[in-house]
Amino acid sequence: MHLPAPRKTDGALSCGNACIHARTHVTISNMPKTIQVRDLDDDVYEALRRRASEAGLTVPELLRREATRLAARPTVEEWLARTKRRPSQIDRADVLAALDELRGQWPDADR
């Protein structure tokens, strides 16, 4: 819907146009958004179609679910900023020693 810009009278918006624009803005901002992805490789789309089918979903439903999940996760920068604030009593050498113990000896450790 295209509406004319609000008219200004003595520096103020006329009520009729300002009210229409405010009401339209609220309506449009509350509408679901659409995303279009172009130039998707056939094998990528086929994989998405297969995953959607296995989950009993359509491709748009799968992508909506995945986009919602992705948007809920913090970015790497946000996660790093959050985890930097947590003090730890464990030093790097202890972590590496614990990982080595869990993984076992490296295959080429005797070389």
C-alpha atoms as a PDB file:
ATOM      1  CA  MET A   1       0.000   0.000   0.000  1.00  0.00           C
ATOM      2  CA  HIS A   2       1.428   3.386  -0.979  1.00  0.00           C
ATOM      3  CA  LEU A   3       0.269   6.430   0.914  1.00  0.00           C
ATOM      4  CA  PRO A   4       1.176  10.016   0.212  1.00  0.00           C
ATOM      5  CA  ALA A   5       3.655  11.564   2.599  1.00  0.00           C
ATOM      6  CA  PRO A   6       2.105  13.418   5.535  1.00  0.00           C
ATOM      7  CA  ARG A   7       1.435  17.089   4.842  1.00  0.00           C
ATOM      8  CA  LYS A   8       3.114  19.630   7.042  1.00  0.00           C
ATOM      9  CA  THR A   9       1.162  22.607   8.204  1.00  0.00           C
ATOM     10  CA  ASP A  10       3.176  25.167  10.133  1.00  0.00           C
ATOM     11  CA  GLY A  11       5.818  22.553  10.919  1.00  0.00           C
ATOM     12  CA  ALA A  12       3.334  19.955  12.228  1.00  0.00           C
ATOM     13  CA  LEU A  13       1.906  16.944  10.421  1.00  0.00           C
ATOM     14  CA  SER A  14      -1.766  17.128   9.551  1.00  0.00           C
ATOM     15  CA  CYS A  15      -3.667  14.701  11.759  1.00  0.00           C
ATOM     16  CA  GLY A  16      -5.325  12.784   8.940  1.00  0.00           C
ATOM     17  CA  ASN A  17      -2.156  11.821   7.115  1.00  0.00           C
ATOM     18  CA  ALA A  18      -0.041  11.366  10.254  1.00  0.00           C
ATOM     19  CA  CYS A  19      -2.612   9.029  11.785  1.00  0.00           C
ATOM     20  CA  ILE A  20      -2.848   6.968   8.580  1.00  0.00           C
ATOM     21  CA  HIS A  21       0.944   6.686   8.357  1.00  0.00           C
ATOM     22  CA  ALA A  22       1.318   5.732  12.026  1.00  0.00           C
ATOM     23  CA  ARG A  23      -1.414   3.092  11.722  1.00  0.00           C
ATOM     24  CA  THR A  24       0.096   1.711   8.505  1.00  0.00           C
ATOM     25  CA  HIS A  25       3.589   1.588  10.031  1.00  0.00           C
ATOM     26  CA  VAL A  26       2.348  -0.412  13.026  1.00  0.00           C
ATOM     27  CA  THR A  27       0.433  -2.812  10.761  1.00  0.00           C
ATOM     28  CA  ILE A  28       3.377  -3.365   8.422  1.00  0.00           C
ATOM     29  CA  SER A  29       5.938  -3.763  11.209  1.00  0.00           C
ATOM     30  CA  ASN A  30       3.836  -6.522  12.823  1.00  0.00           C
ATOM     31  CA  MET A  31       3.493  -8.532   9.611  1.00  0.00           C
ATOM     32  CA  PRO A  32       5.616 -11.676   9.124  1.00  0.00           C
ATOM     33  CA  LYS A  33       8.726 -11.056   7.045  1.00  0.00           C
ATOM     34  CA  THR A  34       9.673 -12.917   3.871  1.00  0.00           C
ATOM     35  CA  ILE A  35      13.190 -13.944   2.905  1.00  0.00           C
ATOM     36  CA  GLN A  36      14.096 -15.009  -0.613  1.00  0.00           C
ATOM     37  CA  VAL A  37      17.289 -16.972  -1.222  1.00  0.00           C
ATOM     38  CA  ARG A  38      18.609 -16.897  -4.774  1.00  0.00           C
ATOM     39  CA  ASP A  39      21.200 -18.969  -6.612  1.00  0.00           C
ATOM     40  CA  LEU A  40      20.935 -22.049  -4.402  1.00  0.00           C
ATOM     41  CA  ASP A  41      22.800 -25.024  -5.857  1.00  0.00           C
ATOM     42  CA  ASP A  42      20.615 -27.978  -6.818  1.00  0.00           C
ATOM     43  CA  ASP A  43      22.411 -30.322  -4.405  1.00  0.00           C
ATOM     44  CA  VAL A  44      21.868 -27.878  -1.530  1.00  0.00           C
ATOM     45  CA  TYR A  45      18.155 -27.612  -2.274  1.00  0.00           C
ATOM     46  CA  GLU A  46      17.897 -31.391  -2.620  1.00  0.00           C
ATOM     47  CA  ALA A  47      19.534 -31.849   0.788  1.00  0.00           C
ATOM     48  CA  LEU A  48      17.099 -29.336   2.317  1.00  0.00           C
ATOM     49  CA  ARG A  49      14.159 -31.069   0.649  1.00  0.00           C
ATOM     50  CA  ARG A  50      15.338 -34.448   1.942  1.00  0.00           C
ATOM     51  CA  ARG A  51      15.807 -33.161   5.500  1.00  0.00           C
ATOM     52  CA  ALA A  52      12.414 -31.472   5.437  1.00  0.00           C
ATOM     53  CA  SER A  53      10.779 -34.659   4.198  1.00  0.00           C
ATOM     54  CA  GLU A  54      12.463 -36.741   6.898  1.00  0.00           C
ATOM     55  CA  ALA A  55      11.170 -34.306   9.534  1.00  0.00           C
ATOM     56  CA  GLY A  56       7.657 -34.282   8.021  1.00  0.00           C
ATOM     57  CA  LEU A  57       8.006 -30.629   7.025  1.00  0.00           C
ATOM     58  CA  THR A  58       8.006 -28.563   3.872  1.00  0.00           C
ATOM     59  CA  VAL A  59      11.227 -26.799   2.870  1.00  0.00           C
ATOM     60  CA  PRO A  60       9.872 -23.380   3.969  1.00  0.00           C
ATOM     61  CA  GLU A  61       8.819 -24.862   7.336  1.00  0.00           C
ATOM     62  CA  LEU A  62      12.291 -26.376   7.812  1.00  0.00           C
ATOM     63  CA  LEU A  63      13.991 -23.105   6.909  1.00  0.00           C
ATOM     64  CA  ARG A  64      11.660 -21.141   9.228  1.00  0.00           C
ATOM     65  CA  ARG A  65      12.496 -23.501  12.099  1.00  0.00           C
ATOM     66  CA  GLU A  66      16.235 -23.315  11.395  1.00  0.00           C
ATOM     67  CA  ALA A  67      16.168 -19.503  11.026  1.00  0.00           C
ATOM     68  CA  THR A  68      14.349 -19.216  14.367  1.00  0.00           C
ATOM     69  CA  ARG A  69      16.916 -21.495  16.007  1.00  0.00           C
ATOM     70  CA  LEU A  70      19.806 -19.563  14.465  1.00  0.00           C
ATOM     71  CA  ALA A  71      18.390 -16.193  15.521  1.00  0.00           C
ATOM     72  CA  ALA A  72      18.021 -17.422  19.121  1.00  0.00           C
ATOM     73  CA  ARG A  73      21.712 -18.378  19.371  1.00  0.00           C
ATOM     74  CA  PRO A  74      24.285 -15.791  20.384  1.00  0.00           C
ATOM     75  CA  THR A  75      26.880 -14.757  17.840  1.00  0.00           C
ATOM     76  CA  VAL A  76      30.449 -15.936  18.444  1.00  0.00           C
ATOM     77  CA  GLU A  77      31.333 -12.414  19.598  1.00  0.00           C
ATOM     78  CA  GLU A  78      28.392 -12.329  22.048  1.00  0.00           C
ATOM     79  CA  TRP A  79      29.291 -15.770  23.406  1.00  0.00           C
ATOM     80  CA  LEU A  80      32.949 -14.838  23.852  1.00  0.00           C
ATOM     81  CA  ALA A  81      32.028 -11.591  25.611  1.00  0.00           C
ATOM     82  CA  ARG A  82      29.717 -13.487  27.953  1.00  0.00           C
ATOM     83  CA  THR A  83      32.169 -16.263  28.759  1.00  0.00           C
ATOM     84  CA  LYS A  84      35.095 -13.884  29.359  1.00  0.00           C
ATOM     85  CA  ARG A  85      33.320 -12.586  32.431  1.00  0.00           C
ATOM     86  CA  ARG A  86      33.343 -15.990  34.122  1.00  0.00           C
ATOM     87  CA  PRO A  87      36.402 -16.481  36.299  1.00  0.00           C
ATOM     88  CA  SER A  88      37.977 -19.930  36.217  1.00  0.00           C
ATOM     89  CA  GLN A  89      40.328 -21.664  38.626  1.00  0.00           C
ATOM     90  CA  ILE A  90      41.391 -24.173  35.941  1.00  0.00           C
ATOM     91  CA  ASP A  91      44.456 -23.294  33.911  1.00  0.00           C
ATOM     92  CA  ARG A  92      45.229 -24.254  30.320  1.00  0.00           C
ATOM     93  CA  ALA A  93      47.711 -27.014  31.236  1.00  0.00           C
ATOM     94  CA  ASP A  94      45.054 -28.787  33.369  1.00  0.00           C
ATOM     95  CA  VAL A  95      42.543 -28.670  30.508  1.00  0.00           C
ATOM     96  CA  LEU A  96      45.070 -30.060  28.009  1.00  0.00           C
ATOM     97  CA  ALA A  97      46.126 -32.809  30.417  1.00  0.00           C
ATOM     98  CA  ALA A  98      42.478 -33.829  30.951  1.00  0.00           C
ATOM     99  CA  LEU A  99      41.874 -33.912  27.191  1.00  0.00           C
ATOM    100  CA  ASP A 100      44.999 -36.011  26.625  1.00  0.00           C
ATOM    101  CA  GLU A 101      43.836 -38.435  29.292  1.00  0.00           C
ATOM    102  CA  LEU A 102      40.390 -38.771  27.676  1.00  0.00           C
ATOM    103  CA  ARG A 103      41.714 -39.127  24.120  1.00  0.00           C
ATOM    104  CA  GLY A 104      44.518 -41.519  24.963  1.00  0.00           C
ATOM    105  CA  GLN A 105      47.964 -41.486  23.463  1.00  0.00           C
ATOM    106  CA  TRP A 106      48.425 -39.819  20.083  1.00  0.00           C
ATOM    107  CA  PRO A 107      49.010 -42.389  17.309  1.00  0.00           C
ATOM    108  CA  ASP A 108      52.326 -40.811  16.296  1.00  0.00           C
ATOM    109  CA  ALA A 109      53.499 -39.952  19.843  1.00  0.00           C
ATOM    110  CA  ASP A 110      56.442 -42.389  19.635  1.00  0.00           C
ATOM    111  CA  ARG A 111      57.929 -40.883  16.475  1.00  0.00           C
END
